Each structure stands twice: as C-alpha cells, then as structure tokens.
Amino acid sequence: MPRTSRTRPPRPTATRSQPRRVAKAPPSEPRLLLLNKPFDVLTQFNDADGRATLKDFVQVPGVYPAGRLDRDSEGLLLLTNDGQLQARIADPKHKLAKTYWVQVEGEVSAEQLQRLCDGVELNDGMTLPAEARQLDEPELWPRNPPVRFRKSVPTSWLELVIREGRNRQVRRMTAAVGLPTLRLVRVQIGPWTLDGLQPGEWREVPARL
C-alpha cells in the first residue's frame, strides 16, 4: 500500500494577553475652605464622646484642617483637600502669620506689650518676636456661652500676631506677662481673613498661597 503524507495542522501561535487598562479617577480639584469655628467645637470631624466637631458645620468630603484651633478658641480655620497646601499653611517652618484678637484680664501696660513683642520665655523655650498692640473692644458676635468675668477686675483687648504653632501658645504668652486670656479669636491666617463670616459659616476661596 502506498504511503500517504499527512499534513499536520498548524501549531497555534502563542498570543500575549494585553494588560488591562484601569481607568484612573481624575484628580480632585484642590479646594480651600475658610470656616469661622465656633467656641467649644473640636478641630476634627469625629468624636467618640459626641462632642461638637467640624462635621456639624462642614459637609464637604475630602477636606481636612490645615492646622488646629483649640476647642475653647474661636475664629478662622482653614480646610483643604490638598496635602501640599496643607503643609505650607500648617508647617511652622513657613512662618505664616496668624493674627489673634485676645481679651485678657487686667489693664495692659507698655512694658507687657514690649515683652510680647520681644518674645516670651515659656516652658518649651523662648518664643519668636511677635507683633502686639492694644485694641479698642472689637465688634464680635456674642460668645456662647458668655465669657465669665470678675466684676472687680477690668479686661482689655490685644491684637497679637505670631508665626509659630506651639500648643496653646497665645494663651501661654499672655499668661506669662500677667494677662490671663479670657477669650481668643483668630481673625487672619496669611492672606485669609474671617471677612464677615458668622460662627459656623464657611466660604470657598481659590486654593493657592
């Protein structure tokens, strides 16, 4: 019987699987919010003890505070979703000026103002020189609850500008020169001001410094 040739079927060629392309979510636009933080509100969005937080006033996802403001202080707080902007605002090495209006117990002397301007020795070292001047009583919203005064002791108002971020620094500075703080309101950070915001109100501004 004659032999017949068999043709082999072509061997399939190996094909490389193409990598799957995962669509990346577009980067979120940088945002910057200016909030007038009320008294007795924590500078965070959650609290296990049920105390008032930023969540009670700001329902914008993805933003977080650029710096802090004590629970018993009021006024300007910046919130952003931009990490670089947050660092430039909050990092003390950038020495961004922060302006406070401070109600203190007692009458202010020229010597006390000069000590604040020169720098004050605190338990964590000498503060940087500050700007300090006495103010007429500013037009502010009533604090809730009201400040407790001693009827026998007068009070005064100061404007204090610092470029550091130590814990409770302004209160410690005024106490060190014999002027205990009764009320503390931050009115400006760098170029940003409260500009008519009532407690709990916020507005958005261009996210740049």
N, C-alpha and C. Protein backbone atom coordinates (compact mmCIF):
# COMPACT_ATOMS: atom_id res chain seq x y z
N MET A 1 0.87 -1.19 0.00
CA MET A 1 0.00 0.00 0.00
C MET A 1 0.90 1.23 0.00
N PRO A 2 0.63 2.14 -0.93
CA PRO A 2 1.49 3.32 -0.96
C PRO A 2 1.32 4.18 0.29
N ARG A 3 2.43 4.77 0.71
CA ARG A 3 2.38 5.64 1.89
C ARG A 3 1.82 7.01 1.51
N THR A 4 1.03 7.51 2.34
CA THR A 4 0.49 8.86 2.09
C THR A 4 1.06 9.83 3.14
N SER A 5 1.34 11.02 2.70
CA SER A 5 1.88 12.03 3.64
C SER A 5 0.74 12.74 4.36
N ARG A 6 0.95 12.90 5.58
CA ARG A 6 -0.06 13.63 6.38
C ARG A 6 0.44 15.04 6.69
N THR A 7 -0.42 15.95 6.48
CA THR A 7 -0.07 17.34 6.83
C THR A 7 -0.56 17.64 8.23
N ARG A 8 0.38 18.11 9.02
CA ARG A 8 -0.01 18.47 10.40
C ARG A 8 -0.71 19.82 10.43
N PRO A 9 -1.71 19.89 11.25
CA PRO A 9 -2.38 21.20 11.38
C PRO A 9 -1.42 22.25 11.95
N PRO A 10 -1.54 23.45 11.52
CA PRO A 10 -0.62 24.49 12.01
C PRO A 10 -0.70 24.64 13.53
N ARG A 11 0.48 24.75 14.11
CA ARG A 11 0.53 24.92 15.58
C ARG A 11 0.06 26.32 15.93
N PRO A 12 -0.84 26.40 16.86
CA PRO A 12 -1.32 27.75 17.22
C PRO A 12 -0.20 28.61 17.78
N THR A 13 -0.18 29.84 17.38
CA THR A 13 0.85 30.75 17.88
C THR A 13 0.40 31.34 19.21
N ALA A 14 1.36 31.43 20.10
CA ALA A 14 1.04 31.98 21.43
C ALA A 14 0.77 33.48 21.32
N THR A 15 -0.25 33.91 21.95
CA THR A 15 -0.56 35.35 21.97
C THR A 15 -0.46 35.87 23.39
N ARG A 16 0.17 36.99 23.47
CA ARG A 16 0.30 37.60 24.80
C ARG A 16 -0.98 38.34 25.14
N SER A 17 -1.41 38.12 26.38
CA SER A 17 -2.61 38.83 26.81
C SER A 17 -2.26 40.30 27.04
N GLN A 18 -3.07 41.15 26.52
CA GLN A 18 -2.84 42.58 26.68
C GLN A 18 -3.15 43.01 28.11
N PRO A 19 -2.30 43.82 28.69
CA PRO A 19 -2.60 44.29 30.06
C PRO A 19 -3.88 45.10 30.08
N ARG A 20 -4.64 44.88 31.12
CA ARG A 20 -5.89 45.62 31.26
C ARG A 20 -5.59 47.05 31.71
N ARG A 21 -6.20 47.94 31.05
CA ARG A 21 -6.02 49.34 31.42
C ARG A 21 -7.15 49.75 32.36
N VAL A 22 -6.74 50.14 33.56
CA VAL A 22 -7.72 50.57 34.54
C VAL A 22 -7.83 52.08 34.47
N ALA A 23 -9.01 52.53 34.25
CA ALA A 23 -9.21 53.97 34.15
C ALA A 23 -8.97 54.62 35.51
N LYS A 24 -8.10 55.61 35.52
CA LYS A 24 -7.81 56.31 36.77
C LYS A 24 -8.84 57.41 36.99
N ALA A 25 -9.23 57.51 38.25
CA ALA A 25 -10.17 58.58 38.59
C ALA A 25 -9.47 59.92 38.41
N PRO A 26 -10.14 60.87 37.83
CA PRO A 26 -9.49 62.18 37.67
C PRO A 26 -9.15 62.77 39.01
N PRO A 27 -7.98 63.42 39.12
CA PRO A 27 -7.61 64.00 40.41
C PRO A 27 -8.63 65.05 40.83
N SER A 28 -8.92 65.05 42.13
CA SER A 28 -9.89 66.02 42.62
C SER A 28 -9.27 67.42 42.59
N GLU A 29 -10.08 68.37 42.27
CA GLU A 29 -9.60 69.75 42.22
C GLU A 29 -9.22 70.23 43.61
N PRO A 30 -8.11 70.95 43.74
CA PRO A 30 -7.75 71.49 45.04
C PRO A 30 -8.85 72.42 45.54
N ARG A 31 -9.16 72.30 46.84
CA ARG A 31 -10.20 73.13 47.44
C ARG A 31 -9.67 73.74 48.73
N LEU A 32 -10.15 74.92 49.03
CA LEU A 32 -9.76 75.59 50.27
C LEU A 32 -10.99 76.28 50.84
N LEU A 33 -11.33 75.92 52.07
CA LEU A 33 -12.49 76.48 52.75
C LEU A 33 -12.04 77.32 53.94
N LEU A 34 -12.72 78.42 54.16
CA LEU A 34 -12.49 79.27 55.33
C LEU A 34 -13.71 79.12 56.24
N LEU A 35 -13.47 78.63 57.44
CA LEU A 35 -14.55 78.39 58.41
C LEU A 35 -14.35 79.28 59.63
N ASN A 36 -15.44 79.84 60.12
CA ASN A 36 -15.42 80.51 61.42
C ASN A 36 -15.83 79.46 62.46
N LYS A 37 -14.82 78.86 63.10
CA LYS A 37 -15.08 77.79 64.06
C LYS A 37 -15.67 78.37 65.34
N PRO A 38 -16.82 77.87 65.75
CA PRO A 38 -17.41 78.38 66.99
C PRO A 38 -16.64 77.88 68.22
N PHE A 39 -16.91 78.53 69.33
CA PHE A 39 -16.39 78.09 70.62
C PHE A 39 -16.91 76.69 70.94
N ASP A 40 -16.10 75.89 71.62
CA ASP A 40 -16.48 74.57 72.11
C ASP A 40 -16.70 73.55 70.98
N VAL A 41 -16.00 73.74 69.86
CA VAL A 41 -16.06 72.80 68.74
C VAL A 41 -14.66 72.24 68.52
N LEU A 42 -14.56 70.90 68.42
CA LEU A 42 -13.28 70.25 68.20
C LEU A 42 -12.83 70.42 66.75
N THR A 43 -11.52 70.56 66.56
CA THR A 43 -10.96 70.69 65.22
C THR A 43 -10.72 69.31 64.63
N GLN A 44 -11.77 68.55 64.46
CA GLN A 44 -11.74 67.22 63.86
C GLN A 44 -13.17 66.89 63.42
N PHE A 45 -13.31 65.80 62.66
CA PHE A 45 -14.62 65.50 62.07
C PHE A 45 -15.39 64.43 62.83
N ASN A 46 -14.74 63.75 63.77
CA ASN A 46 -15.44 62.72 64.54
C ASN A 46 -15.00 62.78 65.99
N ASP A 47 -15.92 62.39 66.88
CA ASP A 47 -15.58 62.35 68.29
C ASP A 47 -16.41 61.27 68.96
N ALA A 48 -15.72 60.33 69.60
CA ALA A 48 -16.41 59.19 70.22
C ALA A 48 -17.30 59.62 71.38
N ASP A 49 -17.03 60.79 71.95
CA ASP A 49 -17.80 61.23 73.10
C ASP A 49 -19.00 62.10 72.72
N GLY A 50 -19.22 62.26 71.43
CA GLY A 50 -20.39 63.00 70.99
C GLY A 50 -20.29 64.51 71.09
N ARG A 51 -19.07 65.04 71.25
CA ARG A 51 -18.92 66.49 71.30
C ARG A 51 -19.02 67.10 69.90
N ALA A 52 -19.26 68.40 69.85
CA ALA A 52 -19.40 69.08 68.56
C ALA A 52 -18.08 69.04 67.80
N THR A 53 -18.17 68.75 66.50
CA THR A 53 -16.99 68.68 65.64
C THR A 53 -17.24 69.48 64.36
N LEU A 54 -16.24 69.48 63.49
CA LEU A 54 -16.37 70.19 62.21
C LEU A 54 -17.48 69.61 61.35
N LYS A 55 -17.77 68.34 61.55
CA LYS A 55 -18.81 67.68 60.75
C LYS A 55 -20.17 68.34 60.94
N ASP A 56 -20.37 69.00 62.07
CA ASP A 56 -21.63 69.67 62.32
C ASP A 56 -21.81 70.92 61.47
N PHE A 57 -20.72 71.38 60.83
CA PHE A 57 -20.79 72.63 60.09
C PHE A 57 -20.33 72.49 58.63
N VAL A 58 -19.45 71.54 58.35
CA VAL A 58 -18.89 71.39 57.01
C VAL A 58 -19.19 69.99 56.50
N GLN A 59 -19.99 69.89 55.44
CA GLN A 59 -20.32 68.60 54.84
C GLN A 59 -19.66 68.46 53.47
N VAL A 60 -18.40 68.83 53.38
CA VAL A 60 -17.64 68.74 52.13
C VAL A 60 -16.71 67.54 52.25
N PRO A 61 -16.84 66.52 51.40
CA PRO A 61 -15.99 65.33 51.53
C PRO A 61 -14.55 65.63 51.14
N GLY A 62 -13.63 64.99 51.85
CA GLY A 62 -12.23 65.02 51.46
C GLY A 62 -11.40 66.15 51.99
N VAL A 63 -11.98 67.11 52.70
CA VAL A 63 -11.19 68.21 53.23
C VAL A 63 -10.82 67.92 54.69
N TYR A 64 -9.72 68.51 55.12
CA TYR A 64 -9.25 68.31 56.48
C TYR A 64 -8.56 69.60 56.94
N PRO A 65 -8.44 69.81 58.25
CA PRO A 65 -7.91 71.08 58.73
C PRO A 65 -6.45 71.28 58.37
N ALA A 66 -6.11 72.49 58.01
CA ALA A 66 -4.72 72.89 57.81
C ALA A 66 -4.30 73.64 59.06
N GLY A 67 -3.81 72.90 60.04
CA GLY A 67 -3.52 73.47 61.34
C GLY A 67 -4.66 73.20 62.30
N ARG A 68 -4.52 73.74 63.51
CA ARG A 68 -5.52 73.47 64.54
C ARG A 68 -5.98 74.77 65.17
N LEU A 69 -7.06 74.67 65.90
CA LEU A 69 -7.56 75.77 66.72
C LEU A 69 -8.21 75.12 67.92
N ASP A 70 -7.78 75.51 69.11
CA ASP A 70 -8.24 74.84 70.32
C ASP A 70 -9.75 74.87 70.45
N ARG A 71 -10.25 73.88 71.16
CA ARG A 71 -11.70 73.77 71.38
C ARG A 71 -12.27 75.04 72.01
N ASP A 72 -11.51 75.66 72.93
CA ASP A 72 -12.01 76.84 73.63
C ASP A 72 -11.61 78.14 72.94
N SER A 73 -11.14 78.04 71.69
CA SER A 73 -10.85 79.22 70.89
C SER A 73 -11.82 79.30 69.72
N GLU A 74 -11.93 80.48 69.15
CA GLU A 74 -12.89 80.72 68.07
C GLU A 74 -12.15 81.28 66.86
N GLY A 75 -12.89 81.30 65.73
CA GLY A 75 -12.38 82.05 64.60
C GLY A 75 -11.91 81.23 63.43
N LEU A 76 -10.98 81.77 62.68
CA LEU A 76 -10.62 81.28 61.36
C LEU A 76 -9.90 79.93 61.42
N LEU A 77 -10.45 78.99 60.66
CA LEU A 77 -9.84 77.68 60.47
C LEU A 77 -9.88 77.38 58.99
N LEU A 78 -8.75 76.94 58.42
CA LEU A 78 -8.67 76.60 57.01
C LEU A 78 -8.79 75.09 56.84
N LEU A 79 -9.53 74.67 55.81
CA LEU A 79 -9.67 73.25 55.49
C LEU A 79 -9.37 73.07 54.00
N THR A 80 -8.65 72.01 53.67
CA THR A 80 -8.27 71.77 52.29
C THR A 80 -8.19 70.28 52.01
N ASN A 81 -8.24 69.91 50.73
CA ASN A 81 -8.01 68.53 50.30
C ASN A 81 -6.65 68.39 49.63
N ASP A 82 -5.83 69.43 49.70
CA ASP A 82 -4.54 69.46 49.03
C ASP A 82 -3.42 69.33 50.06
N GLY A 83 -2.69 68.22 50.00
CA GLY A 83 -1.66 67.97 51.00
C GLY A 83 -0.53 68.98 50.98
N GLN A 84 -0.11 69.41 49.80
CA GLN A 84 0.97 70.39 49.72
C GLN A 84 0.54 71.74 50.28
N LEU A 85 -0.67 72.14 49.96
CA LEU A 85 -1.17 73.40 50.50
C LEU A 85 -1.33 73.30 52.01
N GLN A 86 -1.82 72.17 52.48
CA GLN A 86 -1.96 71.96 53.93
C GLN A 86 -0.62 72.13 54.64
N ALA A 87 0.44 71.54 54.05
CA ALA A 87 1.76 71.62 54.68
C ALA A 87 2.28 73.07 54.68
N ARG A 88 2.05 73.79 53.60
CA ARG A 88 2.54 75.17 53.53
C ARG A 88 1.82 76.06 54.54
N ILE A 89 0.57 75.75 54.82
CA ILE A 89 -0.17 76.55 55.78
C ILE A 89 0.18 76.17 57.21
N ALA A 90 0.27 74.86 57.48
CA ALA A 90 0.38 74.39 58.85
C ALA A 90 1.81 74.27 59.36
N ASP A 91 2.77 74.04 58.48
CA ASP A 91 4.14 73.80 58.93
C ASP A 91 4.77 75.09 59.45
N PRO A 92 5.22 75.10 60.71
CA PRO A 92 5.79 76.33 61.28
C PRO A 92 7.01 76.85 60.52
N LYS A 93 7.70 76.00 59.76
CA LYS A 93 8.91 76.47 59.06
C LYS A 93 8.59 77.54 58.03
N HIS A 94 7.33 77.59 57.56
CA HIS A 94 6.95 78.61 56.59
C HIS A 94 6.60 79.94 57.27
N LYS A 95 6.46 79.91 58.61
CA LYS A 95 6.26 81.13 59.40
C LYS A 95 5.12 81.99 58.86
N LEU A 96 4.01 81.34 58.55
CA LEU A 96 2.84 82.06 58.08
C LEU A 96 2.22 82.83 59.24
N ALA A 97 2.00 84.12 59.06
CA ALA A 97 1.50 84.96 60.15
C ALA A 97 0.06 84.58 60.50
N LYS A 98 -0.20 84.51 61.81
CA LYS A 98 -1.55 84.24 62.32
C LYS A 98 -1.91 85.36 63.30
N THR A 99 -3.06 85.98 63.06
CA THR A 99 -3.47 87.14 63.84
C THR A 99 -4.62 86.78 64.76
N TYR A 100 -4.49 87.16 66.03
CA TYR A 100 -5.49 86.85 67.05
C TYR A 100 -5.95 88.13 67.73
N TRP A 101 -7.24 88.17 68.04
CA TRP A 101 -7.77 89.17 68.95
C TRP A 101 -8.01 88.48 70.28
N VAL A 102 -7.42 89.05 71.33
CA VAL A 102 -7.38 88.37 72.62
C VAL A 102 -7.95 89.28 73.69
N GLN A 103 -8.96 88.81 74.37
CA GLN A 103 -9.48 89.51 75.54
C GLN A 103 -8.77 88.97 76.77
N VAL A 104 -8.14 89.86 77.50
CA VAL A 104 -7.34 89.44 78.66
C VAL A 104 -7.87 90.09 79.92
N GLU A 105 -7.50 89.49 81.03
CA GLU A 105 -7.88 90.03 82.33
C GLU A 105 -6.81 91.00 82.78
N GLY A 106 -7.24 92.22 83.11
CA GLY A 106 -6.30 93.22 83.58
C GLY A 106 -6.10 94.34 82.58
N GLU A 107 -5.44 95.40 83.02
CA GLU A 107 -5.10 96.52 82.15
C GLU A 107 -3.70 96.30 81.59
N VAL A 108 -3.55 96.59 80.32
CA VAL A 108 -2.30 96.29 79.62
C VAL A 108 -1.33 97.47 79.75
N SER A 109 -0.10 97.16 80.11
CA SER A 109 0.92 98.21 80.21
C SER A 109 1.84 98.16 78.99
N ALA A 110 2.56 99.26 78.78
CA ALA A 110 3.52 99.32 77.68
C ALA A 110 4.61 98.26 77.86
N GLU A 111 4.98 98.01 79.09
CA GLU A 111 6.02 97.00 79.36
C GLU A 111 5.55 95.61 78.96
N GLN A 112 4.29 95.27 79.27
CA GLN A 112 3.76 93.96 78.89
C GLN A 112 3.69 93.80 77.37
N LEU A 113 3.28 94.85 76.67
CA LEU A 113 3.26 94.80 75.21
C LEU A 113 4.66 94.58 74.65
N GLN A 114 5.63 95.27 75.23
CA GLN A 114 7.00 95.12 74.73
C GLN A 114 7.53 93.72 74.96
N ARG A 115 7.19 93.12 76.10
CA ARG A 115 7.63 91.74 76.36
C ARG A 115 7.05 90.77 75.33
N LEU A 116 5.77 90.97 74.97
CA LEU A 116 5.17 90.11 73.94
C LEU A 116 5.86 90.31 72.60
N CYS A 117 6.22 91.56 72.29
CA CYS A 117 6.90 91.84 71.02
C CYS A 117 8.30 91.24 70.98
N ASP A 118 8.99 91.27 72.12
CA ASP A 118 10.37 90.77 72.17
C ASP A 118 10.46 89.26 72.16
N GLY A 119 9.39 88.58 72.60
CA GLY A 119 9.44 87.14 72.80
C GLY A 119 9.34 86.82 74.27
N VAL A 120 8.64 85.75 74.58
CA VAL A 120 8.35 85.39 75.97
C VAL A 120 8.97 84.02 76.26
N GLU A 121 9.56 83.89 77.43
CA GLU A 121 10.12 82.61 77.86
C GLU A 121 8.99 81.72 78.37
N LEU A 122 8.78 80.58 77.66
CA LEU A 122 7.79 79.59 78.07
C LEU A 122 8.50 78.33 78.52
N ASN A 123 7.74 77.35 78.99
CA ASN A 123 8.40 76.14 79.49
C ASN A 123 9.02 75.31 78.37
N ASP A 124 8.67 75.61 77.11
CA ASP A 124 9.32 74.91 75.99
C ASP A 124 10.23 75.83 75.20
N GLY A 125 10.69 76.90 75.86
CA GLY A 125 11.67 77.78 75.22
C GLY A 125 11.12 79.14 74.90
N MET A 126 12.00 79.96 74.39
CA MET A 126 11.67 81.35 74.06
C MET A 126 10.84 81.39 72.78
N THR A 127 9.79 82.21 72.78
CA THR A 127 9.01 82.38 71.57
C THR A 127 9.72 83.35 70.63
N LEU A 128 9.35 83.29 69.36
CA LEU A 128 9.84 84.27 68.41
C LEU A 128 9.23 85.63 68.72
N PRO A 129 9.90 86.71 68.30
CA PRO A 129 9.27 88.02 68.45
C PRO A 129 7.90 88.04 67.79
N ALA A 130 6.96 88.74 68.40
CA ALA A 130 5.59 88.83 67.90
C ALA A 130 5.25 90.29 67.64
N GLU A 131 4.10 90.52 67.07
CA GLU A 131 3.55 91.87 66.95
C GLU A 131 2.39 91.96 67.94
N ALA A 132 2.40 92.99 68.75
CA ALA A 132 1.36 93.13 69.78
C ALA A 132 0.97 94.59 69.90
N ARG A 133 -0.33 94.82 69.97
CA ARG A 133 -0.83 96.17 70.22
C ARG A 133 -2.17 96.06 70.94
N GLN A 134 -2.50 97.12 71.66
CA GLN A 134 -3.78 97.14 72.36
C GLN A 134 -4.88 97.57 71.40
N LEU A 135 -6.08 96.97 71.57
CA LEU A 135 -7.23 97.25 70.72
C LEU A 135 -8.34 97.87 71.53
N ASP A 136 -9.14 98.72 70.88
CA ASP A 136 -10.46 99.01 71.43
C ASP A 136 -11.28 97.73 71.30
N GLU A 137 -12.31 97.59 72.10
CA GLU A 137 -13.11 96.37 72.05
C GLU A 137 -13.66 96.17 70.64
N PRO A 138 -13.32 95.06 69.98
CA PRO A 138 -13.78 94.86 68.60
C PRO A 138 -15.25 94.46 68.54
N GLU A 139 -15.85 94.68 67.38
CA GLU A 139 -17.23 94.26 67.17
C GLU A 139 -17.23 92.78 66.78
N LEU A 140 -17.62 91.94 67.72
CA LEU A 140 -17.65 90.49 67.51
C LEU A 140 -19.02 89.95 67.87
N TRP A 141 -19.30 88.77 67.39
CA TRP A 141 -20.52 88.07 67.77
C TRP A 141 -20.47 87.71 69.27
N PRO A 142 -21.61 87.61 69.93
CA PRO A 142 -21.59 87.17 71.33
C PRO A 142 -21.10 85.72 71.42
N ARG A 143 -20.27 85.46 72.40
CA ARG A 143 -19.82 84.08 72.58
C ARG A 143 -20.88 83.27 73.30
N ASN A 144 -21.02 82.02 72.92
CA ASN A 144 -21.98 81.12 73.56
C ASN A 144 -21.24 79.87 74.07
N PRO A 145 -21.14 79.69 75.39
CA PRO A 145 -21.66 80.53 76.48
C PRO A 145 -20.82 81.80 76.67
N PRO A 146 -21.37 82.80 77.34
CA PRO A 146 -20.64 84.05 77.54
C PRO A 146 -19.37 83.85 78.35
N VAL A 147 -18.44 84.78 78.17
CA VAL A 147 -17.20 84.77 78.96
C VAL A 147 -17.53 85.11 80.41
N ARG A 148 -16.88 84.42 81.32
CA ARG A 148 -17.06 84.72 82.75
C ARG A 148 -16.07 85.78 83.18
N PHE A 149 -16.59 86.88 83.67
CA PHE A 149 -15.75 87.98 84.11
C PHE A 149 -15.75 88.06 85.64
N ARG A 150 -14.69 88.66 86.16
CA ARG A 150 -14.69 89.05 87.57
C ARG A 150 -15.00 90.54 87.61
N LYS A 151 -16.08 90.89 88.24
CA LYS A 151 -16.54 92.28 88.21
C LYS A 151 -15.50 93.24 88.77
N SER A 152 -14.66 92.74 89.66
CA SER A 152 -13.69 93.63 90.31
C SER A 152 -12.42 93.82 89.46
N VAL A 153 -12.31 93.10 88.35
CA VAL A 153 -11.08 93.16 87.55
C VAL A 153 -11.43 93.62 86.14
N PRO A 154 -10.78 94.68 85.64
CA PRO A 154 -11.06 95.15 84.28
C PRO A 154 -10.50 94.17 83.24
N THR A 155 -10.98 94.31 82.01
CA THR A 155 -10.46 93.49 80.92
C THR A 155 -9.98 94.41 79.80
N SER A 156 -9.12 93.84 78.95
CA SER A 156 -8.57 94.59 77.82
C SER A 156 -8.52 93.67 76.60
N TRP A 157 -8.36 94.30 75.43
CA TRP A 157 -8.22 93.55 74.18
C TRP A 157 -6.86 93.83 73.56
N LEU A 158 -6.26 92.76 73.04
CA LEU A 158 -4.99 92.85 72.33
C LEU A 158 -5.13 92.27 70.93
N GLU A 159 -4.30 92.76 70.02
CA GLU A 159 -4.08 92.07 68.75
C GLU A 159 -2.68 91.49 68.79
N LEU A 160 -2.57 90.20 68.57
CA LEU A 160 -1.29 89.51 68.66
C LEU A 160 -1.06 88.74 67.37
N VAL A 161 0.10 88.97 66.75
CA VAL A 161 0.46 88.28 65.50
C VAL A 161 1.68 87.42 65.77
N ILE A 162 1.55 86.11 65.55
CA ILE A 162 2.66 85.19 65.77
C ILE A 162 2.93 84.40 64.50
N ARG A 163 4.10 83.78 64.44
CA ARG A 163 4.50 82.99 63.28
C ARG A 163 4.98 81.61 63.69
N GLU A 164 4.45 81.14 64.80
CA GLU A 164 4.76 79.80 65.29
C GLU A 164 3.46 79.03 65.46
N GLY A 165 3.59 77.77 65.90
CA GLY A 165 2.39 76.97 66.09
C GLY A 165 2.47 76.10 67.32
N ARG A 166 3.00 76.64 68.41
CA ARG A 166 3.10 75.84 69.63
C ARG A 166 1.71 75.63 70.26
N ASN A 167 1.62 74.59 71.03
CA ASN A 167 0.36 74.26 71.68
C ASN A 167 -0.07 75.39 72.62
N ARG A 168 -1.27 75.91 72.40
CA ARG A 168 -1.87 76.96 73.24
C ARG A 168 -0.91 78.12 73.46
N GLN A 169 -0.22 78.48 72.40
CA GLN A 169 0.86 79.46 72.54
C GLN A 169 0.38 80.84 72.97
N VAL A 170 -0.67 81.34 72.35
CA VAL A 170 -1.12 82.69 72.68
C VAL A 170 -1.55 82.77 74.15
N ARG A 171 -2.30 81.78 74.59
CA ARG A 171 -2.74 81.79 75.99
C ARG A 171 -1.53 81.75 76.94
N ARG A 172 -0.54 80.96 76.60
CA ARG A 172 0.63 80.87 77.47
C ARG A 172 1.45 82.16 77.44
N MET A 173 1.50 82.82 76.29
CA MET A 173 2.25 84.07 76.20
C MET A 173 1.61 85.16 77.04
N THR A 174 0.28 85.32 76.91
CA THR A 174 -0.36 86.38 77.70
C THR A 174 -0.28 86.08 79.19
N ALA A 175 -0.42 84.81 79.56
CA ALA A 175 -0.31 84.46 80.98
C ALA A 175 1.08 84.75 81.51
N ALA A 176 2.10 84.53 80.67
CA ALA A 176 3.49 84.73 81.12
C ALA A 176 3.79 86.20 81.42
N VAL A 177 3.04 87.11 80.81
CA VAL A 177 3.27 88.53 81.09
C VAL A 177 2.23 89.08 82.05
N GLY A 178 1.43 88.19 82.67
CA GLY A 178 0.49 88.61 83.69
C GLY A 178 -0.87 89.03 83.17
N LEU A 179 -1.25 88.53 81.98
CA LEU A 179 -2.54 88.88 81.37
C LEU A 179 -3.27 87.61 80.97
N PRO A 180 -3.97 86.96 81.88
CA PRO A 180 -4.66 85.71 81.54
C PRO A 180 -5.70 85.93 80.43
N THR A 181 -5.75 85.01 79.48
CA THR A 181 -6.68 85.11 78.37
C THR A 181 -8.08 84.68 78.80
N LEU A 182 -9.07 85.51 78.45
CA LEU A 182 -10.47 85.18 78.70
C LEU A 182 -11.17 84.71 77.43
N ARG A 183 -10.84 85.33 76.31
CA ARG A 183 -11.44 84.98 75.02
C ARG A 183 -10.39 85.10 73.93
N LEU A 184 -10.38 84.14 73.01
CA LEU A 184 -9.35 84.11 71.97
C LEU A 184 -10.02 83.85 70.63
N VAL A 185 -9.83 84.80 69.69
CA VAL A 185 -10.44 84.72 68.37
C VAL A 185 -9.35 84.89 67.32
N ARG A 186 -9.19 83.88 66.45
CA ARG A 186 -8.24 84.03 65.34
C ARG A 186 -8.96 84.69 64.17
N VAL A 187 -8.41 85.79 63.70
CA VAL A 187 -9.10 86.57 62.66
C VAL A 187 -8.40 86.51 61.31
N GLN A 188 -7.14 86.05 61.26
CA GLN A 188 -6.44 86.03 59.98
C GLN A 188 -5.32 85.00 60.01
N ILE A 189 -5.15 84.31 58.87
CA ILE A 189 -4.01 83.41 58.63
C ILE A 189 -3.44 83.78 57.29
N GLY A 190 -2.20 84.27 57.27
CA GLY A 190 -1.61 84.70 56.00
C GLY A 190 -2.52 85.72 55.33
N PRO A 191 -2.93 85.47 54.07
CA PRO A 191 -3.78 86.43 53.36
C PRO A 191 -5.28 86.24 53.61
N TRP A 192 -5.66 85.23 54.38
CA TRP A 192 -7.08 84.89 54.53
C TRP A 192 -7.63 85.46 55.83
N THR A 193 -8.84 86.02 55.76
CA THR A 193 -9.47 86.62 56.93
C THR A 193 -10.88 86.07 57.11
N LEU A 194 -11.45 86.34 58.27
CA LEU A 194 -12.83 85.94 58.53
C LEU A 194 -13.81 86.69 57.62
N ASP A 195 -13.55 87.98 57.40
CA ASP A 195 -14.30 88.78 56.43
C ASP A 195 -15.81 88.58 56.54
N GLY A 196 -16.34 88.78 57.74
CA GLY A 196 -17.79 88.79 57.92
C GLY A 196 -18.44 87.44 58.15
N LEU A 197 -17.69 86.36 58.21
CA LEU A 197 -18.28 85.05 58.48
C LEU A 197 -18.79 84.99 59.92
N GLN A 198 -20.00 84.53 60.09
CA GLN A 198 -20.54 84.31 61.42
C GLN A 198 -20.12 82.92 61.92
N PRO A 199 -20.19 82.67 63.22
CA PRO A 199 -19.79 81.36 63.75
C PRO A 199 -20.53 80.22 63.04
N GLY A 200 -19.77 79.23 62.58
CA GLY A 200 -20.34 78.08 61.89
C GLY A 200 -20.46 78.26 60.40
N GLU A 201 -20.25 79.47 59.88
CA GLU A 201 -20.33 79.72 58.44
C GLU A 201 -18.97 79.51 57.78
N TRP A 202 -18.99 79.12 56.51
CA TRP A 202 -17.75 78.96 55.76
C TRP A 202 -17.97 79.42 54.33
N ARG A 203 -16.85 79.71 53.66
CA ARG A 203 -16.90 80.03 52.25
C ARG A 203 -15.67 79.43 51.58
N GLU A 204 -15.76 79.21 50.26
CA GLU A 204 -14.65 78.63 49.50
C GLU A 204 -13.90 79.74 48.78
N VAL A 205 -12.57 79.61 48.75
CA VAL A 205 -11.71 80.58 48.08
C VAL A 205 -10.73 79.81 47.18
N PRO A 206 -10.06 80.48 46.24
CA PRO A 206 -9.08 79.79 45.40
C PRO A 206 -8.01 79.09 46.24
N ALA A 207 -7.71 77.87 45.88
CA ALA A 207 -6.78 77.04 46.68
C ALA A 207 -5.34 77.31 46.25
N ARG A 208 -4.85 78.43 46.65
CA ARG A 208 -3.44 78.76 46.35
C ARG A 208 -2.91 79.69 47.44
N LEU A 209 -1.59 79.69 47.55
CA LEU A 209 -0.94 80.53 48.54
C LEU A 209 0.24 81.22 47.87
